[in-house]
Every structure is written in C-alpha cells, then in structure tokens.
Amino acid sequence: MEAEQPVRRASRAFVVFVVAMVAVMVFPLFAIGNRIEPMVLGLPFSMVWVVSWILIEFVVLVGFFLYEYGGSR
C-alpha cells in the first residue's frame, strides 16, 4: 500500500502574493497603469502593465517552487 501524502497548506507569503497579484490586475490598482501614453516598444502602457505583472508573477512562482521543492526530487 502506498503511504498517503500529507495535505500541504499554502504558506502565508504565497497567499499574500496571490492577493497582491489579483489586486494589481483589477480596479482600483489597475487604474495606475490604465492609460495609453507612454507607449513602450509600440505597446500602450496598459498592456505593458499587464505583461510586466505576468512576468513578475512567473518569476516569483518559480521562486516559490524552488523554495518548496528545491533539492528534493
């Protein structure tokens, strides 16, 4: 019989990160980046705002993964 894996709970830092990521993508914090000017690489600033937060989210999630499962595979 296989041993059951213990139930893993989300860390407080991860929960705070997820709430922060949702906050910057919805009103009222999205209003900071919700404009057309300045154009960045030909893209409106609002699109650059969303893409940059997605890239930041990716980097932080990789960091959480490496912290959680770093050397144990």
Protein backbone atom coordinates (compact mmCIF):
# COMPACT_ATOMS: atom_id res chain seq x y z
CA MET A 1 0.00 0.00 0.00
CA GLU A 2 1.16 3.48 -0.77
CA ALA A 3 1.57 5.90 2.09
CA GLU A 4 -0.70 8.89 1.86
CA GLN A 5 0.92 12.23 1.22
CA PRO A 6 0.28 14.77 3.95
CA VAL A 7 -2.02 17.61 2.97
CA ARG A 8 0.06 20.65 2.08
CA ARG A 9 -1.21 24.07 3.04
CA ALA A 10 -0.40 27.31 1.27
CA SER A 11 2.12 29.45 3.09
CA ARG A 12 1.13 32.90 4.27
CA ALA A 13 3.63 34.50 1.87
CA PHE A 14 2.03 32.70 -1.09
CA VAL A 15 -1.46 33.81 -0.07
CA VAL A 16 -0.30 37.42 0.29
CA PHE A 17 1.38 37.19 -3.13
CA VAL A 18 -1.78 35.84 -4.81
CA VAL A 19 -3.94 38.56 -3.23
CA ALA A 20 -1.43 41.23 -4.34
CA MET A 21 -1.39 39.89 -7.91
CA VAL A 22 -5.18 39.97 -8.08
CA ALA A 23 -5.20 43.48 -6.63
CA VAL A 24 -2.87 44.94 -9.27
CA MET A 25 -4.92 43.45 -12.10
CA VAL A 26 -8.34 44.80 -11.02
CA PHE A 27 -9.75 48.19 -10.14
CA PRO A 28 -8.65 50.36 -8.23
CA LEU A 29 -4.94 49.45 -8.54
CA PHE A 30 -5.20 48.77 -12.27
CA ALA A 31 -6.15 52.45 -12.64
CA ILE A 32 -2.47 53.28 -12.02
CA GLY A 33 -1.48 51.60 -15.27
CA ASN A 34 -4.69 52.12 -17.22
CA ARG A 35 -3.57 54.65 -19.84
CA ILE A 36 -2.36 54.66 -23.40
CA GLU A 37 0.61 57.02 -23.06
CA PRO A 38 3.55 56.48 -22.73
CA MET A 39 3.97 53.94 -25.50
CA VAL A 40 6.56 51.29 -24.64
CA LEU A 41 8.01 49.37 -27.61
CA GLY A 42 4.94 50.40 -29.58
CA LEU A 43 2.52 48.98 -27.00
CA PRO A 44 0.13 51.02 -24.89
CA PHE A 45 1.18 51.38 -21.26
CA SER A 46 -1.82 49.39 -20.00
CA MET A 47 -0.69 46.35 -21.98
CA VAL A 48 2.89 46.76 -20.74
CA TRP A 49 1.46 46.98 -17.19
CA VAL A 50 -0.33 43.63 -17.53
CA VAL A 51 2.56 41.85 -19.30
CA SER A 52 5.09 43.08 -16.74
CA TRP A 53 2.98 41.82 -13.83
CA ILE A 54 2.58 38.45 -15.55
CA LEU A 55 6.38 38.22 -15.93
CA ILE A 56 6.86 39.21 -12.27
CA GLU A 57 4.29 36.58 -11.28
CA PHE A 58 6.16 33.92 -13.25
CA VAL A 59 9.49 34.74 -11.62
CA VAL A 60 8.01 34.76 -8.11
CA LEU A 61 6.13 31.49 -8.68
CA VAL A 62 9.36 29.84 -9.86
CA GLY A 63 10.96 31.15 -6.68
CA PHE A 64 8.17 29.67 -4.54
CA PHE A 65 8.52 26.36 -6.35
CA LEU A 66 12.30 26.23 -5.86
CA TYR A 67 11.91 27.18 -2.20
CA GLU A 68 9.29 24.50 -1.65
CA TYR A 69 10.74 21.65 -3.74
CA GLY A 70 14.31 22.89 -4.24
CA GLY A 71 16.56 19.88 -3.76
CA SER A 72 14.07 17.08 -3.15
CA ARG A 73 13.06 15.33 -6.33
